[in-house]
Amino acid sequence: MSNLEWLSRIEQAISISLPEVSAKFDDYEIRLTVNTTKKHPSLSFYTEIDTKIFEFCTIYFDPVNQELYSYYWNEDFELNSKILFTELEEIIDFIYDAFFDFLDHVEEDDENEQVESS
């Protein structure tokens, strides 16, 4: 199996799971785009709010080592950390958590805008 075939299989499995993840967030739909033009292809997840597109999570694929990974801000150590995924459920949980964090920031921004306009 070629490296991009592996990425394609993962993409399909994630695409099947996305509607279930999106269903947990009433007003939002999580979408996926794939970029295979880089050394490490990526799966980017985004949503649309008021006709604006917001990307909230990117998962990369290392074709040499056949690893899926992403980065996240580790608040305990105050630095970006790399996480390696070993199974699909970990990826789905990561997407869910990243979207949940994104929505928290959107709600905070909305609250701040309301306070400023008062």
PDB file of N, CA and C in Angstrom:
ATOM      1  N   MET A   1       0.851  -1.175   0.000  1.00  0.00           N
ATOM      2  CA  MET A   1       0.000   0.000   0.000  1.00  0.00           C
ATOM      3  C   MET A   1       0.896   1.237   0.000  1.00  0.00           C
ATOM      4  N   SER A   2       0.611   2.168  -0.884  1.00  0.00           N
ATOM      5  CA  SER A   2       1.407   3.395  -0.928  1.00  0.00           C
ATOM      6  C   SER A   2       1.052   4.287   0.257  1.00  0.00           C
ATOM      7  N   ASN A   3       1.925   5.232   0.522  1.00  0.00           N
ATOM      8  CA  ASN A   3       1.726   6.132   1.649  1.00  0.00           C
ATOM      9  C   ASN A   3       0.446   6.954   1.518  1.00  0.00           C
ATOM     10  N   LEU A   4       0.180   7.447   0.315  1.00  0.00           N
ATOM     11  CA  LEU A   4      -1.031   8.257   0.140  1.00  0.00           C
ATOM     12  C   LEU A   4      -2.297   7.412   0.201  1.00  0.00           C
ATOM     13  N   GLU A   5      -2.189   6.138  -0.101  1.00  0.00           N
ATOM     14  CA  GLU A   5      -3.351   5.266   0.072  1.00  0.00           C
ATOM     15  C   GLU A   5      -3.719   5.167   1.550  1.00  0.00           C
ATOM     16  N   TRP A   6      -2.710   5.097   2.405  1.00  0.00           N
ATOM     17  CA  TRP A   6      -2.952   5.047   3.849  1.00  0.00           C
ATOM     18  C   TRP A   6      -3.645   6.338   4.302  1.00  0.00           C
ATOM     19  N   LEU A   7      -3.156   7.474   3.844  1.00  0.00           N
ATOM     20  CA  LEU A   7      -3.780   8.750   4.176  1.00  0.00           C
ATOM     21  C   LEU A   7      -5.223   8.785   3.678  1.00  0.00           C
ATOM     22  N   SER A   8      -5.462   8.294   2.486  1.00  0.00           N
ATOM     23  CA  SER A   8      -6.807   8.266   1.917  1.00  0.00           C
ATOM     24  C   SER A   8      -7.750   7.410   2.769  1.00  0.00           C
ATOM     25  N   ARG A   9      -7.270   6.288   3.252  1.00  0.00           N
ATOM     26  CA  ARG A   9      -8.098   5.427   4.114  1.00  0.00           C
ATOM     27  C   ARG A   9      -8.451   6.131   5.418  1.00  0.00           C
ATOM     28  N   ILE A  10      -7.475   6.828   5.983  1.00  0.00           N
ATOM     29  CA  ILE A  10      -7.723   7.569   7.222  1.00  0.00           C
ATOM     30  C   ILE A  10      -8.722   8.697   6.956  1.00  0.00           C
ATOM     31  N   GLU A  11      -8.538   9.397   5.845  1.00  0.00           N
ATOM     32  CA  GLU A  11      -9.457  10.481   5.475  1.00  0.00           C
ATOM     33  C   GLU A  11     -10.890   9.957   5.367  1.00  0.00           C
ATOM     34  N   GLN A  12     -11.070   8.818   4.721  1.00  0.00           N
ATOM     35  CA  GLN A  12     -12.404   8.245   4.568  1.00  0.00           C
ATOM     36  C   GLN A  12     -13.009   7.886   5.921  1.00  0.00           C
ATOM     37  N   ALA A  13     -12.209   7.296   6.793  1.00  0.00           N
ATOM     38  CA  ALA A  13     -12.708   6.911   8.118  1.00  0.00           C
ATOM     39  C   ALA A  13     -13.101   8.141   8.930  1.00  0.00           C
ATOM     40  N   ILE A  14     -12.306   9.190   8.852  1.00  0.00           N
ATOM     41  CA  ILE A  14     -12.634  10.427   9.569  1.00  0.00           C
ATOM     42  C   ILE A  14     -13.900  11.055   8.974  1.00  0.00           C
ATOM     43  N   SER A  15     -13.998  11.076   7.653  1.00  0.00           N
ATOM     44  CA  SER A  15     -15.173  11.654   6.984  1.00  0.00           C
ATOM     45  C   SER A  15     -16.456  10.958   7.416  1.00  0.00           C
ATOM     46  N   ILE A  16     -16.386   9.670   7.622  1.00  0.00           N
ATOM     47  CA  ILE A  16     -17.559   8.913   8.080  1.00  0.00           C
ATOM     48  C   ILE A  16     -17.938   9.322   9.501  1.00  0.00           C
ATOM     49  N   SER A  17     -16.950   9.633  10.321  1.00  0.00           N
ATOM     50  CA  SER A  17     -17.192   9.977  11.724  1.00  0.00           C
ATOM     51  C   SER A  17     -17.579  11.439  11.955  1.00  0.00           C
ATOM     52  N   LEU A  18     -17.248  12.329  11.023  1.00  0.00           N
ATOM     53  CA  LEU A  18     -17.497  13.763  11.229  1.00  0.00           C
ATOM     54  C   LEU A  18     -18.959  14.130  11.485  1.00  0.00           C
ATOM     55  N   PRO A  19     -19.923  13.556  10.765  1.00  0.00           N
ATOM     56  CA  PRO A  19     -21.314  13.933  11.064  1.00  0.00           C
ATOM     57  C   PRO A  19     -21.710  13.636  12.515  1.00  0.00           C
ATOM     58  N   GLU A  20     -21.193  12.557  13.065  1.00  0.00           N
ATOM     59  CA  GLU A  20     -21.492  12.220  14.463  1.00  0.00           C
ATOM     60  C   GLU A  20     -20.876  13.253  15.415  1.00  0.00           C
ATOM     61  N   VAL A  21     -19.655  13.672  15.121  1.00  0.00           N
ATOM     62  CA  VAL A  21     -19.006  14.696  15.945  1.00  0.00           C
ATOM     63  C   VAL A  21     -19.757  16.014  15.806  1.00  0.00           C
ATOM     64  N   SER A  22     -20.110  16.396  14.578  1.00  0.00           N
ATOM     65  CA  SER A  22     -20.835  17.650  14.344  1.00  0.00           C
ATOM     66  C   SER A  22     -22.189  17.653  15.043  1.00  0.00           C
ATOM     67  N   ALA A  23     -22.830  16.505  15.124  1.00  0.00           N
ATOM     68  CA  ALA A  23     -24.160  16.426  15.732  1.00  0.00           C
ATOM     69  C   ALA A  23     -24.136  16.844  17.197  1.00  0.00           C
ATOM     70  N   LYS A  24     -22.976  16.750  17.837  1.00  0.00           N
ATOM     71  CA  LYS A  24     -22.856  17.155  19.241  1.00  0.00           C
ATOM     72  C   LYS A  24     -22.870  18.671  19.394  1.00  0.00           C
ATOM     73  N   PHE A  25     -22.684  19.375  18.285  1.00  0.00           N
ATOM     74  CA  PHE A  25     -22.676  20.840  18.284  1.00  0.00           C
ATOM     75  C   PHE A  25     -23.814  21.292  17.374  1.00  0.00           C
ATOM     76  N   ASP A  26     -24.936  21.661  17.956  1.00  0.00           N
ATOM     77  CA  ASP A  26     -26.174  21.901  17.229  1.00  0.00           C
ATOM     78  C   ASP A  26     -26.049  22.800  16.005  1.00  0.00           C
ATOM     79  N   ASP A  27     -25.407  23.941  16.156  1.00  0.00           N
ATOM     80  CA  ASP A  27     -25.450  24.954  15.108  1.00  0.00           C
ATOM     81  C   ASP A  27     -24.260  24.932  14.156  1.00  0.00           C
ATOM     82  N   TYR A  28     -23.392  23.956  14.287  1.00  0.00           N
ATOM     83  CA  TYR A  28     -22.153  23.976  13.513  1.00  0.00           C
ATOM     84  C   TYR A  28     -21.923  22.664  12.773  1.00  0.00           C
ATOM     85  N   GLU A  29     -21.312  22.798  11.620  1.00  0.00           N
ATOM     86  CA  GLU A  29     -20.931  21.617  10.846  1.00  0.00           C
ATOM     87  C   GLU A  29     -19.409  21.623  10.697  1.00  0.00           C
ATOM     88  N   ILE A  30     -18.799  20.506  11.038  1.00  0.00           N
ATOM     89  CA  ILE A  30     -17.352  20.381  10.893  1.00  0.00           C
ATOM     90  C   ILE A  30     -17.068  19.830   9.505  1.00  0.00           C
ATOM     91  N   ARG A  31     -16.172  20.493   8.811  1.00  0.00           N
ATOM     92  CA  ARG A  31     -15.815  20.074   7.453  1.00  0.00           C
ATOM     93  C   ARG A  31     -14.334  19.745   7.394  1.00  0.00           C
ATOM     94  N   LEU A  32     -13.973  19.014   6.350  1.00  0.00           N
ATOM     95  CA  LEU A  32     -12.604  18.521   6.186  1.00  0.00           C
ATOM     96  C   LEU A  32     -12.080  18.865   4.804  1.00  0.00           C
ATOM     97  N   THR A  33     -10.833  19.291   4.752  1.00  0.00           N
ATOM     98  CA  THR A  33     -10.150  19.476   3.479  1.00  0.00           C
ATOM     99  C   THR A  33      -8.785  18.807   3.588  1.00  0.00           C
ATOM    100  N   VAL A  34      -8.317  18.269   2.470  1.00  0.00           N
ATOM    101  CA  VAL A  34      -7.045  17.538   2.448  1.00  0.00           C
ATOM    102  C   VAL A  34      -6.079  18.259   1.514  1.00  0.00           C
ATOM    103  N   ASN A  35      -4.845  18.402   1.970  1.00  0.00           N
ATOM    104  CA  ASN A  35      -3.801  19.004   1.147  1.00  0.00           C
ATOM    105  C   ASN A  35      -2.672  17.985   1.002  1.00  0.00           C
ATOM    106  N   THR A  36      -2.525  17.437  -0.193  1.00  0.00           N
ATOM    107  CA  THR A  36      -1.482  16.436  -0.436  1.00  0.00           C
ATOM    108  C   THR A  36      -0.305  17.019  -1.211  1.00  0.00           C
ATOM    109  N   THR A  37      -0.232  18.324  -1.318  1.00  0.00           N
ATOM    110  CA  THR A  37       0.814  18.954  -2.122  1.00  0.00           C
ATOM    111  C   THR A  37       2.083  19.268  -1.330  1.00  0.00           C
ATOM    112  N   LYS A  38       2.088  18.997  -0.054  1.00  0.00           N
ATOM    113  CA  LYS A  38       3.250  19.307   0.776  1.00  0.00           C
ATOM    114  C   LYS A  38       3.999  18.032   1.159  1.00  0.00           C
ATOM    115  N   LYS A  39       5.198  18.231   1.688  1.00  0.00           N
ATOM    116  CA  LYS A  39       6.015  17.093   2.119  1.00  0.00           C
ATOM    117  C   LYS A  39       5.259  16.238   3.134  1.00  0.00           C
ATOM    118  N   HIS A  40       4.566  16.897   4.054  1.00  0.00           N
ATOM    119  CA  HIS A  40       3.710  16.212   5.015  1.00  0.00           C
ATOM    120  C   HIS A  40       2.269  16.633   4.727  1.00  0.00           C
ATOM    121  N   PRO A  41       1.532  15.809   4.001  1.00  0.00           N
ATOM    122  CA  PRO A  41       0.133  16.143   3.697  1.00  0.00           C
ATOM    123  C   PRO A  41      -0.660  16.404   4.977  1.00  0.00           C
ATOM    124  N   SER A  42      -1.748  17.144   4.838  1.00  0.00           N
ATOM    125  CA  SER A  42      -2.514  17.504   6.028  1.00  0.00           C
ATOM    126  C   SER A  42      -4.013  17.326   5.820  1.00  0.00           C
ATOM    127  N   LEU A  43      -4.671  17.097   6.936  1.00  0.00           N
ATOM    128  CA  LEU A  43      -6.125  17.068   7.029  1.00  0.00           C
ATOM    129  C   LEU A  43      -6.506  18.271   7.876  1.00  0.00           C
ATOM    130  N   SER A  44      -7.196  19.233   7.287  1.00  0.00           N
ATOM    131  CA  SER A  44      -7.578  20.449   8.009  1.00  0.00           C
ATOM    132  C   SER A  44      -9.074  20.442   8.255  1.00  0.00           C
ATOM    133  N   PHE A  45      -9.440  20.824   9.456  1.00  0.00           N
ATOM    134  CA  PHE A  45     -10.837  20.826   9.862  1.00  0.00           C
ATOM    135  C   PHE A  45     -11.269  22.267  10.097  1.00  0.00           C
ATOM    136  N   TYR A  46     -12.453  22.592   9.581  1.00  0.00           N
ATOM    137  CA  TYR A  46     -12.929  23.966   9.660  1.00  0.00           C
ATOM    138  C   TYR A  46     -14.439  23.987   9.795  1.00  0.00           C
ATOM    139  N   THR A  47     -14.939  25.161  10.133  1.00  0.00           N
ATOM    140  CA  THR A  47     -16.371  25.393  10.192  1.00  0.00           C
ATOM    141  C   THR A  47     -16.654  26.784   9.645  1.00  0.00           C
ATOM    142  N   GLU A  48     -17.885  27.026   9.323  1.00  0.00           N
ATOM    143  CA  GLU A  48     -18.293  28.330   8.800  1.00  0.00           C
ATOM    144  C   GLU A  48     -19.251  28.976   9.788  1.00  0.00           C
ATOM    145  N   ILE A  49     -18.931  30.230  10.152  1.00  0.00           N
ATOM    146  CA  ILE A  49     -19.789  31.003  11.052  1.00  0.00           C
ATOM    147  C   ILE A  49     -20.032  32.352  10.393  1.00  0.00           C
ATOM    148  N   ASP A  50     -21.290  32.657  10.141  1.00  0.00           N
ATOM    149  CA  ASP A  50     -21.655  33.929   9.509  1.00  0.00           C
ATOM    150  C   ASP A  50     -20.848  34.175   8.236  1.00  0.00           C
ATOM    151  N   THR A  51     -20.783  33.217   7.379  1.00  0.00           N
ATOM    152  CA  THR A  51     -20.084  33.239   6.085  1.00  0.00           C
ATOM    153  C   THR A  51     -18.563  33.373   6.192  1.00  0.00           C
ATOM    154  N   LYS A  52     -18.027  33.282   7.402  1.00  0.00           N
ATOM    155  CA  LYS A  52     -16.576  33.280   7.580  1.00  0.00           C
ATOM    156  C   LYS A  52     -16.115  31.856   7.873  1.00  0.00           C
ATOM    157  N   ILE A  53     -14.988  31.481   7.290  1.00  0.00           N
ATOM    158  CA  ILE A  53     -14.448  30.144   7.493  1.00  0.00           C
ATOM    159  C   ILE A  53     -13.363  30.204   8.557  1.00  0.00           C
ATOM    160  N   PHE A  54     -13.466  29.302   9.534  1.00  0.00           N
ATOM    161  CA  PHE A  54     -12.511  29.218  10.630  1.00  0.00           C
ATOM    162  C   PHE A  54     -11.908  27.816  10.675  1.00  0.00           C
ATOM    163  N   GLU A  55     -10.608  27.737  10.475  1.00  0.00           N
ATOM    164  CA  GLU A  55      -9.907  26.463  10.615  1.00  0.00           C
ATOM    165  C   GLU A  55      -9.513  26.312  12.082  1.00  0.00           C
ATOM    166  N   PHE A  56      -9.819  25.170  12.663  1.00  0.00           N
ATOM    167  CA  PHE A  56      -9.561  25.002  14.086  1.00  0.00           C
ATOM    168  C   PHE A  56      -8.647  23.826  14.416  1.00  0.00           C
ATOM    169  N   CYS A  57      -8.316  23.005  13.423  1.00  0.00           N
ATOM    170  CA  CYS A  57      -7.504  21.828  13.718  1.00  0.00           C
ATOM    171  C   CYS A  57      -6.857  21.323  12.432  1.00  0.00           C
ATOM    172  N   THR A  58      -5.584  20.975  12.537  1.00  0.00           N
ATOM    173  CA  THR A  58      -4.879  20.382  11.397  1.00  0.00           C
ATOM    174  C   THR A  58      -4.120  19.155  11.884  1.00  0.00           C
ATOM    175  N   ILE A  59      -4.273  18.077  11.156  1.00  0.00           N
ATOM    176  CA  ILE A  59      -3.549  16.838  11.438  1.00  0.00           C
ATOM    177  C   ILE A  59      -2.662  16.553  10.241  1.00  0.00           C
ATOM    178  N   TYR A  60      -1.410  16.267  10.529  1.00  0.00           N
ATOM    179  CA  TYR A  60      -0.417  16.043   9.475  1.00  0.00           C
ATOM    180  C   TYR A  60      -0.111  14.555   9.341  1.00  0.00           C
ATOM    181  N   PHE A  61       0.349  14.204   8.148  1.00  0.00           N
ATOM    182  CA  PHE A  61       0.732  12.820   7.876  1.00  0.00           C
ATOM    183  C   PHE A  61       2.193  12.790   7.450  1.00  0.00           C
ATOM    184  N   ASP A  62       2.999  12.048   8.176  1.00  0.00           N
ATOM    185  CA  ASP A  62       4.401  11.848   7.833  1.00  0.00           C
ATOM    186  C   ASP A  62       4.466  10.598   6.963  1.00  0.00           C
ATOM    187  N   PRO A  63       4.654  10.743   5.642  1.00  0.00           N
ATOM    188  CA  PRO A  63       4.596   9.586   4.756  1.00  0.00           C
ATOM    189  C   PRO A  63       5.770   8.619   4.923  1.00  0.00           C
ATOM    190  N   VAL A  64       6.907   9.092   5.383  1.00  0.00           N
ATOM    191  CA  VAL A  64       8.054   8.213   5.561  1.00  0.00           C
ATOM    192  C   VAL A  64       7.826   7.266   6.739  1.00  0.00           C
ATOM    193  N   ASN A  65       7.405   7.833   7.861  1.00  0.00           N
ATOM    194  CA  ASN A  65       7.180   7.028   9.066  1.00  0.00           C
ATOM    195  C   ASN A  65       5.737   6.540   9.190  1.00  0.00           C
ATOM    196  N   GLN A  66       4.896   6.974   8.282  1.00  0.00           N
ATOM    197  CA  GLN A  66       3.469   6.656   8.279  1.00  0.00           C
ATOM    198  C   GLN A  66       2.837   6.961   9.638  1.00  0.00           C
ATOM    199  N   GLU A  67       3.074   8.192  10.094  1.00  0.00           N
ATOM    200  CA  GLU A  67       2.528   8.656  11.368  1.00  0.00           C
ATOM    201  C   GLU A  67       1.603   9.834  11.138  1.00  0.00           C
ATOM    202  N   LEU A  68       0.539   9.863  11.889  1.00  0.00           N
ATOM    203  CA  LEU A  68      -0.358  11.015  11.923  1.00  0.00           C
ATOM    204  C   LEU A  68      -0.058  11.771  13.199  1.00  0.00           C
ATOM    205  N   TYR A  69       0.048  13.100  13.075  1.00  0.00           N
ATOM    206  CA  TYR A  69       0.390  13.904  14.237  1.00  0.00           C
ATOM    207  C   TYR A  69      -0.230  15.292  14.129  1.00  0.00           C
ATOM    208  N   SER A  70      -0.238  15.974  15.257  1.00  0.00           N
ATOM    209  CA  SER A  70      -0.703  17.357  15.294  1.00  0.00           C
ATOM    210  C   SER A  70       0.036  18.079  16.406  1.00  0.00           C
ATOM    211  N   TYR A  71      -0.195  19.361  16.486  1.00  0.00           N
ATOM    212  CA  TYR A  71       0.382  20.189  17.539  1.00  0.00           C
ATOM    213  C   TYR A  71      -0.742  20.800  18.356  1.00  0.00           C
ATOM    214  N   TYR A  72      -0.469  21.001  19.627  1.00  0.00           N
ATOM    215  CA  TYR A  72      -1.428  21.678  20.485  1.00  0.00           C
ATOM    216  C   TYR A  72      -0.670  22.473  21.537  1.00  0.00           C
ATOM    217  N   TRP A  73      -1.327  23.481  22.079  1.00  0.00           N
ATOM    218  CA  TRP A  73      -0.727  24.315  23.098  1.00  0.00           C
ATOM    219  C   TRP A  73      -0.873  23.629  24.450  1.00  0.00           C
ATOM    220  N   ASN A  74       0.255  23.295  25.063  1.00  0.00           N
ATOM    221  CA  ASN A  74       0.260  22.671  26.372  1.00  0.00           C
ATOM    222  C   ASN A  74       0.334  23.785  27.415  1.00  0.00           C
ATOM    223  N   GLU A  75      -0.767  24.010  28.112  1.00  0.00           N
ATOM    224  CA  GLU A  75      -0.831  25.109  29.071  1.00  0.00           C
ATOM    225  C   GLU A  75       0.064  24.877  30.283  1.00  0.00           C
ATOM    226  N   ASP A  76       0.253  23.618  30.678  1.00  0.00           N
ATOM    227  CA  ASP A  76       1.095  23.329  31.838  1.00  0.00           C
ATOM    228  C   ASP A  76       2.543  23.756  31.608  1.00  0.00           C
ATOM    229  N   PHE A  77       3.040  23.506  30.400  1.00  0.00           N
ATOM    230  CA  PHE A  77       4.425  23.830  30.083  1.00  0.00           C
ATOM    231  C   PHE A  77       4.571  25.107  29.252  1.00  0.00           C
ATOM    232  N   GLU A  78       3.439  25.680  28.842  1.00  0.00           N
ATOM    233  CA  GLU A  78       3.401  26.892  28.030  1.00  0.00           C
ATOM    234  C   GLU A  78       4.249  26.770  26.760  1.00  0.00           C
ATOM    235  N   LEU A  79       3.990  25.710  26.020  1.00  0.00           N
ATOM    236  CA  LEU A  79       4.679  25.514  24.749  1.00  0.00           C
ATOM    237  C   LEU A  79       3.854  24.620  23.843  1.00  0.00           C
ATOM    238  N   ASN A  80       4.169  24.701  22.536  1.00  0.00           N
ATOM    239  CA  ASN A  80       3.515  23.821  21.580  1.00  0.00           C
ATOM    240  C   ASN A  80       4.052  22.406  21.749  1.00  0.00           C
ATOM    241  N   SER A  81       3.153  21.447  21.759  1.00  0.00           N
ATOM    242  CA  SER A  81       3.532  20.049  21.909  1.00  0.00           C
ATOM    243  C   SER A  81       3.040  19.266  20.708  1.00  0.00           C
ATOM    244  N   LYS A  82       3.766  18.227  20.374  1.00  0.00           N
ATOM    245  CA  LYS A  82       3.394  17.359  19.258  1.00  0.00           C
ATOM    246  C   LYS A  82       2.752  16.105  19.830  1.00  0.00           C
ATOM    247  N   ILE A  83       1.634  15.719  19.216  1.00  0.00           N
ATOM    248  CA  ILE A  83       0.952  14.503  19.633  1.00  0.00           C
ATOM    249  C   ILE A  83       0.911  13.537  18.454  1.00  0.00           C
ATOM    250  N   LEU A  84       1.263  12.284  18.712  1.00  0.00           N
ATOM    251  CA  LEU A  84       1.188  11.232  17.695  1.00  0.00           C
ATOM    252  C   LEU A  84      -0.087  10.436  17.922  1.00  0.00           C
ATOM    253  N   PHE A  85      -0.769  10.132  16.840  1.00  0.00           N
ATOM    254  CA  PHE A  85      -2.002   9.354  16.929  1.00  0.00           C
ATOM    255  C   PHE A  85      -1.727   7.909  16.535  1.00  0.00           C
ATOM    256  N   THR A  86      -2.245   6.988  17.340  1.00  0.00           N
ATOM    257  CA  THR A  86      -2.043   5.575  17.043  1.00  0.00           C
ATOM    258  C   THR A  86      -3.315   4.879  16.584  1.00  0.00           C
ATOM    259  N   GLU A  87      -4.463   5.539  16.795  1.00  0.00           N
ATOM    260  CA  GLU A  87      -5.711   4.929  16.337  1.00  0.00           C
ATOM    261  C   GLU A  87      -6.741   6.004  16.001  1.00  0.00           C
ATOM    262  N   LEU A  88      -7.722   5.610  15.243  1.00  0.00           N
ATOM    263  CA  LEU A  88      -8.741   6.541  14.749  1.00  0.00           C
ATOM    264  C   LEU A  88      -9.489   7.236  15.877  1.00  0.00           C
ATOM    265  N   GLU A  89      -9.810   6.529  16.922  1.00  0.00           N
ATOM    266  CA  GLU A  89     -10.570   7.117  18.030  1.00  0.00           C
ATOM    267  C   GLU A  89      -9.815   8.283  18.669  1.00  0.00           C
ATOM    268  N   GLU A  90      -8.500   8.202  18.749  1.00  0.00           N
ATOM    269  CA  GLU A  90      -7.696   9.304  19.277  1.00  0.00           C
ATOM    270  C   GLU A  90      -7.824  10.545  18.391  1.00  0.00           C
ATOM    271  N   ILE A  91      -7.843  10.322  17.096  1.00  0.00           N
ATOM    272  CA  ILE A  91      -7.980  11.433  16.148  1.00  0.00           C
ATOM    273  C   ILE A  91      -9.347  12.090  16.300  1.00  0.00           C
ATOM    274  N   ILE A  92     -10.387  11.293  16.373  1.00  0.00           N
ATOM    275  CA  ILE A  92     -11.748  11.820  16.516  1.00  0.00           C
ATOM    276  C   ILE A  92     -11.872  12.603  17.817  1.00  0.00           C
ATOM    277  N   ASP A  93     -11.327  12.069  18.898  1.00  0.00           N
ATOM    278  CA  ASP A  93     -11.362  12.779  20.186  1.00  0.00           C
ATOM    279  C   ASP A  93     -10.604  14.099  20.110  1.00  0.00           C
ATOM    280  N   PHE A  94      -9.474  14.105  19.421  1.00  0.00           N
ATOM    281  CA  PHE A  94      -8.673  15.319  19.270  1.00  0.00           C
ATOM    282  C   PHE A  94      -9.445  16.380  18.491  1.00  0.00           C
ATOM    283  N   ILE A  95     -10.107  15.977  17.419  1.00  0.00           N
ATOM    284  CA  ILE A  95     -10.922  16.905  16.622  1.00  0.00           C
ATOM    285  C   ILE A  95     -12.044  17.479  17.481  1.00  0.00           C
ATOM    286  N   TYR A  96     -12.719  16.616  18.217  1.00  0.00           N
ATOM    287  CA  TYR A  96     -13.806  17.053  19.096  1.00  0.00           C
ATOM    288  C   TYR A  96     -13.294  18.070  20.110  1.00  0.00           C
ATOM    289  N   ASP A  97     -12.190  17.750  20.784  1.00  0.00           N
ATOM    290  CA  ASP A  97     -11.634  18.651  21.797  1.00  0.00           C
ATOM    291  C   ASP A  97     -11.181  19.976  21.182  1.00  0.00           C
ATOM    292  N   ALA A  98     -10.560  19.908  20.001  1.00  0.00           N
ATOM    293  CA  ALA A  98     -10.107  21.139  19.333  1.00  0.00           C
ATOM    294  C   ALA A  98     -11.301  22.013  18.960  1.00  0.00           C
ATOM    295  N   PHE A  99     -12.381  21.400  18.505  1.00  0.00           N
ATOM    296  CA  PHE A  99     -13.568  22.174  18.140  1.00  0.00           C
ATOM    297  C   PHE A  99     -14.224  22.777  19.383  1.00  0.00           C
ATOM    298  N   PHE A 100     -14.274  22.005  20.442  1.00  0.00           N
ATOM    299  CA  PHE A 100     -14.837  22.495  21.701  1.00  0.00           C
ATOM    300  C   PHE A 100     -14.037  23.701  22.192  1.00  0.00           C
ATOM    301  N   ASP A 101     -12.705  23.619  22.154  1.00  0.00           N
ATOM    302  CA  ASP A 101     -11.847  24.745  22.551  1.00  0.00           C
ATOM    303  C   ASP A 101     -12.080  25.949  21.638  1.00  0.00           C
ATOM    304  N   PHE A 102     -12.202  25.693  20.350  1.00  0.00           N
ATOM    305  CA  PHE A 102     -12.466  26.765  19.389  1.00  0.00           C
ATOM    306  C   PHE A 102     -13.772  27.484  19.728  1.00  0.00           C
ATOM    307  N   LEU A 103     -14.820  26.726  20.006  1.00  0.00           N
ATOM    308  CA  LEU A 103     -16.110  27.339  20.332  1.00  0.00           C
ATOM    309  C   LEU A 103     -16.036  28.142  21.627  1.00  0.00           C
ATOM    310  N   ASP A 104     -15.256  27.679  22.586  1.00  0.00           N
ATOM    311  CA  ASP A 104     -15.062  28.453  23.817  1.00  0.00           C
ATOM    312  C   ASP A 104     -14.464  29.814  23.504  1.00  0.00           C
ATOM    313  N   HIS A 105     -13.481  29.848  22.612  1.00  0.00           N
ATOM    314  CA  HIS A 105     -12.852  31.118  22.235  1.00  0.00           C
ATOM    315  C   HIS A 105     -13.834  32.013  21.470  1.00  0.00           C
ATOM    316  N   VAL A 106     -14.650  31.418  20.624  1.00  0.00           N
ATOM    317  CA  VAL A 106     -15.650  32.195  19.881  1.00  0.00           C
ATOM    318  C   VAL A 106     -16.644  32.823  20.855  1.00  0.00           C
ATOM    319  N   GLU A 107     -17.103  32.050  21.825  1.00  0.00           N
ATOM    320  CA  GLU A 107     -18.049  32.570  22.806  1.00  0.00           C
ATOM    321  C   GLU A 107     -17.419  33.673  23.658  1.00  0.00           C
ATOM    322  N   GLU A 108     -16.142  33.505  24.047  1.00  0.00           N
ATOM    323  CA  GLU A 108     -15.443  34.544  24.804  1.00  0.00           C
ATOM    324  C   GLU A 108     -15.336  35.824  23.985  1.00  0.00           C
ATOM    325  N   ASP A 109     -15.001  35.694  22.702  1.00  0.00           N
ATOM    326  CA  ASP A 109     -14.904  36.865  21.831  1.00  0.00           C
ATOM    327  C   ASP A 109     -16.248  37.568  21.708  1.00  0.00           C
ATOM    328  N   ASP A 110     -17.336  36.788  21.562  1.00  0.00           N
ATOM    329  CA  ASP A 110     -18.670  37.366  21.468  1.00  0.00           C
ATOM    330  C   ASP A 110     -19.025  38.128  22.747  1.00  0.00           C
ATOM    331  N   GLU A 111     -18.697  37.534  23.898  1.00  0.00           N
ATOM    332  CA  GLU A 111     -18.988  38.194  25.167  1.00  0.00           C
ATOM    333  C   GLU A 111     -18.198  39.493  25.299  1.00  0.00           C
ATOM    334  N   ASN A 112     -16.928  39.455  24.892  1.00  0.00           N
ATOM    335  CA  ASN A 112     -16.090  40.659  24.959  1.00  0.00           C
ATOM    336  C   ASN A 112     -16.622  41.747  24.044  1.00  0.00           C
ATOM    337  N   GLU A 113     -17.080  41.384  22.852  1.00  0.00           N
ATOM    338  CA  GLU A 113     -17.658  42.360  21.921  1.00  0.00           C
ATOM    339  C   GLU A 113     -18.918  42.992  22.489  1.00  0.00           C
ATOM    340  N   GLN A 114     -19.752  42.181  23.158  1.00  0.00           N
ATOM    341  CA  GLN A 114     -20.969  42.698  23.747  1.00  0.00           C
ATOM    342  C   GLN A 114     -20.665  43.677  24.870  1.00  0.00           C
ATOM    343  N   VAL A 115     -19.656  43.384  25.676  1.00  0.00           N
ATOM    344  CA  VAL A 115     -19.274  44.265  26.784  1.00  0.00           C
ATOM    345  C   VAL A 115     -18.717  45.569  26.222  1.00  0.00           C
ATOM    346  N   GLU A 116     -17.887  45.489  25.175  1.00  0.00           N
ATOM    347  CA  GLU A 116     -17.308  46.683  24.586  1.00  0.00           C
ATOM    348  C   GLU A 116     -18.353  47.569  23.926  1.00  0.00           C
ATOM    349  N   SER A 117     -19.393  46.976  23.345  1.00  0.00           N
ATOM    350  CA  SER A 117     -20.403  47.778  22.654  1.00  0.00           C
ATOM    351  C   SER A 117     -21.435  48.354  23.626  1.00  0.00           C
ATOM    352  N   SER A 118     -21.403  47.939  24.872  1.00  0.00           N
ATOM    353  CA  SER A 118     -22.366  48.460  25.873  1.00  0.00           C
ATOM    354  C   SER A 118     -21.970  49.810  26.384  1.00  0.00           C
TER     355      SER A 118
END
